[in-house]
């Protein structure tokens, strides 16, 4: 499986905003490298060039792909799914991305970042409705219960995660029980629940050409 191997903070610098790719380091005041160096990567500090209409659309797509950690083929698949669903395509796309298993684990506070959530899922530390699921892209549904499997609950890793995330707000469509390392999906995410600035209409315009 392809994966991004360069420094995560370069992605934030490229998009000109914090994408929260490194967990608590992104939340801690004064520790985020982007806050110290918000200029685009490469060479000496420079201004951001004014983008064309196509450039704005492309950057928005790249930003969302980086936030959720998906590559082009998979992202296009989500867009095609969103387009076939009832409702607004852009909203449908964000809902699909939000309900990915790795994002739900991150939103529940059971991982410090989406990248860490993917790694923990691949290493088979989680169950969905009591059954082991090791696919980060698995789409979670309303009513699903997510939990750290019994044999992993004693791991110092999860103690470290909870200590780092217990003060973080949980999305309104989720119910978290960090003491028992579990959570439940109580509804579907709405557009207002997305806490990163995204102009999804630009992505729809890009793919509609």
C-alpha atoms as a PDB file:
ATOM      1  CA  UNK A   1       0.000   0.000   0.000  1.00  0.00           C
ATOM      2  CA  UNK A   2       1.364   3.427  -1.013  1.00  0.00           C
ATOM      3  CA  UNK A   3       2.015   5.874   1.779  1.00  0.00           C
ATOM      4  CA  UNK A   4       3.396   9.378   2.259  1.00  0.00           C
ATOM      5  CA  UNK A   5       6.929   9.189   3.645  1.00  0.00           C
ATOM      6  CA  UNK A   6       8.054  12.832   3.824  1.00  0.00           C
ATOM      7  CA  UNK A   7       7.696  15.126   6.846  1.00  0.00           C
ATOM      8  CA  UNK A   8       4.017  15.680   7.696  1.00  0.00           C
ATOM      9  CA  UNK A   9       4.580  19.353   8.500  1.00  0.00           C
ATOM     10  CA  UNK A  10       5.623  20.010   4.896  1.00  0.00           C
ATOM     11  CA  UNK A  11       2.061  19.170   3.896  1.00  0.00           C
ATOM     12  CA  UNK A  12       0.672  21.787   6.281  1.00  0.00           C
ATOM     13  CA  UNK A  13       3.132  24.354   4.936  1.00  0.00           C
ATOM     14  CA  UNK A  14       2.152  23.524   1.363  1.00  0.00           C
ATOM     15  CA  UNK A  15      -1.561  24.026   2.127  1.00  0.00           C
ATOM     16  CA  UNK A  16      -0.970  27.130   4.241  1.00  0.00           C
ATOM     17  CA  UNK A  17      -2.861  25.830   7.282  1.00  0.00           C
ATOM     18  CA  UNK A  18      -2.655  23.302  10.100  1.00  0.00           C
ATOM     19  CA  UNK A  19      -3.967  19.915   8.982  1.00  0.00           C
ATOM     20  CA  UNK A  20      -3.483  18.226  12.387  1.00  0.00           C
ATOM     21  CA  UNK A  21      -1.429  15.357  10.978  1.00  0.00           C
ATOM     22  CA  UNK A  22       0.849  14.785  13.990  1.00  0.00           C
ATOM     23  CA  UNK A  23      -1.572  14.397  16.856  1.00  0.00           C
ATOM     24  CA  UNK A  24      -1.050  16.293  20.083  1.00  0.00           C
ATOM     25  CA  UNK A  25       2.026  18.080  18.757  1.00  0.00           C
ATOM     26  CA  UNK A  26      -0.376  20.007  16.528  1.00  0.00           C
ATOM     27  CA  UNK A  27      -2.617  20.961  19.464  1.00  0.00           C
ATOM     28  CA  UNK A  28       0.132  21.922  21.950  1.00  0.00           C
ATOM     29  CA  UNK A  29       0.847  25.633  21.969  1.00  0.00           C
ATOM     30  CA  UNK A  30       4.318  26.501  20.717  1.00  0.00           C
ATOM     31  CA  UNK A  31       5.182  22.975  19.563  1.00  0.00           C
ATOM     32  CA  UNK A  32       3.685  22.996  16.069  1.00  0.00           C
ATOM     33  CA  UNK A  33       6.421  23.542  13.416  1.00  0.00           C
ATOM     34  CA  UNK A  34       3.872  25.157  11.089  1.00  0.00           C
ATOM     35  CA  UNK A  35       3.303  27.968  13.595  1.00  0.00           C
ATOM     36  CA  UNK A  36       7.039  28.681  13.550  1.00  0.00           C
ATOM     37  CA  UNK A  37       7.422  28.385   9.781  1.00  0.00           C
ATOM     38  CA  UNK A  38       4.147  28.827   7.850  1.00  0.00           C
ATOM     39  CA  UNK A  39       5.822  29.557   4.495  1.00  0.00           C
ATOM     40  CA  UNK A  40       5.643  27.068   1.585  1.00  0.00           C
ATOM     41  CA  UNK A  41       8.364  24.376   1.597  1.00  0.00           C
ATOM     42  CA  UNK A  42      11.395  24.638  -0.659  1.00  0.00           C
ATOM     43  CA  UNK A  43      14.101  27.294  -0.741  1.00  0.00           C
ATOM     44  CA  UNK A  44      14.027  30.597   1.101  1.00  0.00           C
ATOM     45  CA  UNK A  45      10.796  32.015   2.610  1.00  0.00           C
ATOM     46  CA  UNK A  46       8.515  33.376  -0.102  1.00  0.00           C
ATOM     47  CA  UNK A  47       5.003  34.656  -0.665  1.00  0.00           C
ATOM     48  CA  UNK A  48       2.282  32.368  -1.857  1.00  0.00           C
ATOM     49  CA  UNK A  49       1.606  32.901  -5.537  1.00  0.00           C
ATOM     50  CA  UNK A  50      -1.906  33.903  -6.559  1.00  0.00           C
ATOM     51  CA  UNK A  51      -3.656  30.779  -7.818  1.00  0.00           C
ATOM     52  CA  UNK A  52      -5.846  30.376 -10.876  1.00  0.00           C
ATOM     53  CA  UNK A  53      -9.364  28.956 -10.575  1.00  0.00           C
ATOM     54  CA  UNK A  54      -8.022  25.494 -11.430  1.00  0.00           C
ATOM     55  CA  UNK A  55      -5.155  25.943  -8.959  1.00  0.00           C
ATOM     56  CA  UNK A  56      -7.598  26.745  -6.134  1.00  0.00           C
ATOM     57  CA  UNK A  57      -9.669  23.674  -6.947  1.00  0.00           C
ATOM     58  CA  UNK A  58      -6.605  21.430  -7.095  1.00  0.00           C
ATOM     59  CA  UNK A  59      -5.182  22.738  -3.821  1.00  0.00           C
ATOM     60  CA  UNK A  60      -8.518  22.148  -2.071  1.00  0.00           C
ATOM     61  CA  UNK A  61      -8.615  18.560  -3.282  1.00  0.00           C
ATOM     62  CA  UNK A  62      -5.006  17.990  -2.203  1.00  0.00           C
ATOM     63  CA  UNK A  63      -5.731  19.488   1.215  1.00  0.00           C
ATOM     64  CA  UNK A  64      -8.681  17.177   1.896  1.00  0.00           C
ATOM     65  CA  UNK A  65      -6.756  14.129   0.657  1.00  0.00           C
ATOM     66  CA  UNK A  66      -3.931  14.988   3.054  1.00  0.00           C
ATOM     67  CA  UNK A  67      -6.231  15.601   6.016  1.00  0.00           C
ATOM     68  CA  UNK A  68      -7.850  12.176   5.683  1.00  0.00           C
ATOM     69  CA  UNK A  69      -4.746  10.372   4.416  1.00  0.00           C
ATOM     70  CA  UNK A  70      -6.143   8.995   1.148  1.00  0.00           C
ATOM     71  CA  UNK A  71      -4.618   8.805  -2.321  1.00  0.00           C
ATOM     72  CA  UNK A  72      -6.111   9.861  -5.643  1.00  0.00           C
ATOM     73  CA  UNK A  73      -7.701   6.591  -6.767  1.00  0.00           C
ATOM     74  CA  UNK A  74      -9.458   6.070  -3.442  1.00  0.00           C
ATOM     75  CA  UNK A  75     -10.453   9.733  -3.191  1.00  0.00           C
ATOM     76  CA  UNK A  76     -12.029   9.589  -6.655  1.00  0.00           C
ATOM     77  CA  UNK A  77     -13.905   6.458  -5.582  1.00  0.00           C
ATOM     78  CA  UNK A  78     -15.380   8.365  -2.620  1.00  0.00           C
ATOM     79  CA  UNK A  79     -16.384  11.210  -4.931  1.00  0.00           C
ATOM     80  CA  UNK A  80     -18.154   8.815  -7.299  1.00  0.00           C
ATOM     81  CA  UNK A  81     -19.999   7.287  -4.329  1.00  0.00           C
ATOM     82  CA  UNK A  82     -20.973  10.758  -3.076  1.00  0.00           C
ATOM     83  CA  UNK A  83     -22.260  11.775  -6.497  1.00  0.00           C
ATOM     84  CA  UNK A  84     -24.600   8.766  -6.641  1.00  0.00           C
ATOM     85  CA  UNK A  85     -26.097   9.443  -3.218  1.00  0.00           C
ATOM     86  CA  UNK A  86     -29.053  11.726  -2.579  1.00  0.00           C
ATOM     87  CA  UNK A  87     -28.275  15.209  -1.350  1.00  0.00           C
ATOM     88  CA  UNK A  88     -25.370  17.611  -1.917  1.00  0.00           C
ATOM     89  CA  UNK A  89     -22.341  15.868  -3.420  1.00  0.00           C
ATOM     90  CA  UNK A  90     -19.777  17.896  -1.444  1.00  0.00           C
ATOM     91  CA  UNK A  91     -21.488  17.164   1.874  1.00  0.00           C
ATOM     92  CA  UNK A  92     -21.824  13.483   0.967  1.00  0.00           C
ATOM     93  CA  UNK A  93     -18.104  13.324   0.193  1.00  0.00           C
ATOM     94  CA  UNK A  94     -17.126  14.762   3.573  1.00  0.00           C
ATOM     95  CA  UNK A  95     -19.545  12.425   5.364  1.00  0.00           C
ATOM     96  CA  UNK A  96     -17.946   9.403   3.693  1.00  0.00           C
ATOM     97  CA  UNK A  97     -14.469  10.572   4.688  1.00  0.00           C
ATOM     98  CA  UNK A  98     -15.559  11.302   8.257  1.00  0.00           C
ATOM     99  CA  UNK A  99     -17.039   7.823   8.669  1.00  0.00           C
ATOM    100  CA  UNK A 100     -13.851   6.021   7.672  1.00  0.00           C
ATOM    101  CA  UNK A 101     -12.772   3.706  10.485  1.00  0.00           C
ATOM    102  CA  UNK A 102      -9.420   5.440  10.985  1.00  0.00           C
ATOM    103  CA  UNK A 103     -11.073   8.858  11.265  1.00  0.00           C
ATOM    104  CA  UNK A 104     -13.664   7.579  13.760  1.00  0.00           C
ATOM    105  CA  UNK A 105     -10.928   6.069  15.954  1.00  0.00           C
ATOM    106  CA  UNK A 106      -9.114   9.425  15.858  1.00  0.00           C
ATOM    107  CA  UNK A 107     -12.281  11.408  16.570  1.00  0.00           C
ATOM    108  CA  UNK A 108     -13.049   9.190  19.574  1.00  0.00           C
ATOM    109  CA  UNK A 109      -9.655  10.010  21.078  1.00  0.00           C
ATOM    110  CA  UNK A 110      -8.389   6.423  20.738  1.00  0.00           C
ATOM    111  CA  UNK A 111      -5.479   7.644  18.599  1.00  0.00           C
ATOM    112  CA  UNK A 112      -3.533  10.893  18.579  1.00  0.00           C
ATOM    113  CA  UNK A 113      -3.726  11.291  14.796  1.00  0.00           C
ATOM    114  CA  UNK A 114      -5.381   9.652  11.810  1.00  0.00           C
ATOM    115  CA  UNK A 115      -2.008   8.247  10.807  1.00  0.00           C
ATOM    116  CA  UNK A 116      -1.610   6.594  14.210  1.00  0.00           C
ATOM    117  CA  UNK A 117      -5.201   5.330  13.999  1.00  0.00           C
ATOM    118  CA  UNK A 118      -4.430   3.632  10.664  1.00  0.00           C
ATOM    119  CA  UNK A 119      -1.373   1.955  12.125  1.00  0.00           C
ATOM    120  CA  UNK A 120      -3.246   0.696  15.183  1.00  0.00           C
ATOM    121  CA  UNK A 121      -6.097  -0.620  13.021  1.00  0.00           C
ATOM    122  CA  UNK A 122      -3.701  -2.435  10.691  1.00  0.00           C
ATOM    123  CA  UNK A 123      -2.088  -4.030  13.758  1.00  0.00           C
ATOM    124  CA  UNK A 124      -5.525  -5.364  14.721  1.00  0.00           C
ATOM    125  CA  UNK A 125      -6.025  -3.499  18.001  1.00  0.00           C
ATOM    126  CA  UNK A 126      -9.708  -2.646  17.402  1.00  0.00           C
ATOM    127  CA  UNK A 127     -13.070  -4.326  17.076  1.00  0.00           C
ATOM    128  CA  UNK A 128     -16.347  -3.130  15.551  1.00  0.00           C
ATOM    129  CA  UNK A 129     -19.450  -4.605  17.182  1.00  0.00           C
ATOM    130  CA  UNK A 130     -17.219  -7.213  18.830  1.00  0.00           C
ATOM    131  CA  UNK A 131     -15.574  -8.360  15.594  1.00  0.00           C
ATOM    132  CA  UNK A 132     -11.981  -7.624  14.626  1.00  0.00           C
ATOM    133  CA  UNK A 133     -11.646  -5.128  11.761  1.00  0.00           C
ATOM    134  CA  UNK A 134      -8.220  -4.252  10.361  1.00  0.00           C
ATOM    135  CA  UNK A 135      -9.240  -2.110   7.364  1.00  0.00           C
ATOM    136  CA  UNK A 136      -8.725   1.660   7.956  1.00  0.00           C
ATOM    137  CA  UNK A 137     -11.089   2.566   5.098  1.00  0.00           C
ATOM    138  CA  UNK A 138     -13.982   0.503   6.503  1.00  0.00           C
ATOM    139  CA  UNK A 139     -17.054   2.763   6.626  1.00  0.00           C
ATOM    140  CA  UNK A 140     -18.637   2.959  10.074  1.00  0.00           C
ATOM    141  CA  UNK A 141     -22.443   3.159  10.420  1.00  0.00           C
ATOM    142  CA  UNK A 142     -24.756   4.668  13.014  1.00  0.00           C
ATOM    143  CA  UNK A 143     -25.054   2.313  15.980  1.00  0.00           C
ATOM    144  CA  UNK A 144     -21.643   0.699  15.484  1.00  0.00           C
ATOM    145  CA  UNK A 145     -19.588   0.182  18.639  1.00  0.00           C
ATOM    146  CA  UNK A 146     -15.815   0.553  18.438  1.00  0.00           C
ATOM    147  CA  UNK A 147     -13.502  -0.790  21.125  1.00  0.00           C
ATOM    148  CA  UNK A 148      -9.879  -1.632  21.779  1.00  0.00           C
ATOM    149  CA  UNK A 149      -9.717  -5.418  21.891  1.00  0.00           C
ATOM    150  CA  UNK A 150      -9.319  -6.973  25.322  1.00  0.00           C
ATOM    151  CA  UNK A 151      -5.732  -8.169  24.829  1.00  0.00           C
ATOM    152  CA  UNK A 152      -4.608  -4.658  23.839  1.00  0.00           C
ATOM    153  CA  UNK A 153      -6.234  -2.695  26.660  1.00  0.00           C
ATOM    154  CA  UNK A 154      -3.305  -3.248  29.018  1.00  0.00           C
ATOM    155  CA  UNK A 155      -0.832  -1.832  26.519  1.00  0.00           C
ATOM    156  CA  UNK A 156       1.048   1.272  27.767  1.00  0.00           C
ATOM    157  CA  UNK A 157       0.445   2.735  24.315  1.00  0.00           C
ATOM    158  CA  UNK A 158      -3.258   3.265  24.962  1.00  0.00           C
ATOM    159  CA  UNK A 159      -2.595   4.763  28.386  1.00  0.00           C
ATOM    160  CA  UNK A 160      -0.318   7.266  26.666  1.00  0.00           C
ATOM    161  CA  UNK A 161      -2.963   8.012  24.027  1.00  0.00           C
ATOM    162  CA  UNK A 162      -5.758   8.609  26.549  1.00  0.00           C
ATOM    163  CA  UNK A 163      -3.559  10.925  28.622  1.00  0.00           C
ATOM    164  CA  UNK A 164      -2.901  12.968  25.489  1.00  0.00           C
ATOM    165  CA  UNK A 165      -6.467  13.065  24.129  1.00  0.00           C
ATOM    166  CA  UNK A 166      -8.756  13.077  27.188  1.00  0.00           C
ATOM    167  CA  UNK A 167      -9.117  16.875  27.061  1.00  0.00           C
ATOM    168  CA  UNK A 168      -9.937  16.892  23.351  1.00  0.00           C
ATOM    169  CA  UNK A 169     -13.573  17.464  22.374  1.00  0.00           C
ATOM    170  CA  UNK A 170     -15.368  14.464  20.848  1.00  0.00           C
ATOM    171  CA  UNK A 171     -17.461  14.962  17.706  1.00  0.00           C
ATOM    172  CA  UNK A 172     -21.209  15.387  18.463  1.00  0.00           C
ATOM    173  CA  UNK A 173     -22.108  12.293  16.430  1.00  0.00           C
ATOM    174  CA  UNK A 174     -19.903  10.079  18.602  1.00  0.00           C
ATOM    175  CA  UNK A 175     -19.998   8.904  22.212  1.00  0.00           C
ATOM    176  CA  UNK A 176     -16.619   8.102  23.774  1.00  0.00           C
ATOM    177  CA  UNK A 177     -15.771   6.072  26.873  1.00  0.00           C
ATOM    178  CA  UNK A 178     -12.025   6.532  27.232  1.00  0.00           C
ATOM    179  CA  UNK A 179     -11.972   4.763  30.594  1.00  0.00           C
ATOM    180  CA  UNK A 180     -13.071   1.564  28.861  1.00  0.00           C
ATOM    181  CA  UNK A 181     -11.294   2.414  25.596  1.00  0.00           C
ATOM    182  CA  UNK A 182     -14.480   2.271  23.564  1.00  0.00           C
ATOM    183  CA  UNK A 183     -17.012   4.430  21.784  1.00  0.00           C
ATOM    184  CA  UNK A 184     -20.215   4.391  19.781  1.00  0.00           C
ATOM    185  CA  UNK A 185     -21.482   6.095  16.634  1.00  0.00           C
ATOM    186  CA  UNK A 186     -24.705   7.826  17.690  1.00  0.00           C
ATOM    187  CA  UNK A 187     -25.481   9.546  14.399  1.00  0.00           C
ATOM    188  CA  UNK A 188     -24.093  10.763  11.098  1.00  0.00           C
ATOM    189  CA  UNK A 189     -21.682  13.704  10.836  1.00  0.00           C
ATOM    190  CA  UNK A 190     -23.167  16.945   9.526  1.00  0.00           C
ATOM    191  CA  UNK A 191     -21.384  19.647   7.573  1.00  0.00           C
ATOM    192  CA  UNK A 192     -21.175  21.750  10.737  1.00  0.00           C
ATOM    193  CA  UNK A 193     -19.239  18.972  12.496  1.00  0.00           C
ATOM    194  CA  UNK A 194     -16.222  19.324  10.178  1.00  0.00           C
ATOM    195  CA  UNK A 195     -13.668  21.288  12.198  1.00  0.00           C
ATOM    196  CA  UNK A 196     -11.235  22.048   9.348  1.00  0.00           C
ATOM    197  CA  UNK A 197     -11.823  24.824   6.842  1.00  0.00           C
ATOM    198  CA  UNK A 198     -12.850  23.063   3.619  1.00  0.00           C
ATOM    199  CA  UNK A 199     -14.447  24.488   0.474  1.00  0.00           C
ATOM    200  CA  UNK A 200     -15.869  21.241  -0.859  1.00  0.00           C
ATOM    201  CA  UNK A 201     -17.650  22.972  -3.758  1.00  0.00           C
ATOM    202  CA  UNK A 202     -14.232  23.560  -5.339  1.00  0.00           C
ATOM    203  CA  UNK A 203     -13.602  19.799  -5.386  1.00  0.00           C
ATOM    204  CA  UNK A 204     -17.000  19.174  -6.978  1.00  0.00           C
ATOM    205  CA  UNK A 205     -16.214  21.820  -9.621  1.00  0.00           C
ATOM    206  CA  UNK A 206     -12.831  20.212 -10.322  1.00  0.00           C
ATOM    207  CA  UNK A 207     -14.233  16.720 -10.853  1.00  0.00           C
ATOM    208  CA  UNK A 208     -17.200  18.035 -12.830  1.00  0.00           C
ATOM    209  CA  UNK A 209     -15.024  19.391 -15.655  1.00  0.00           C
END
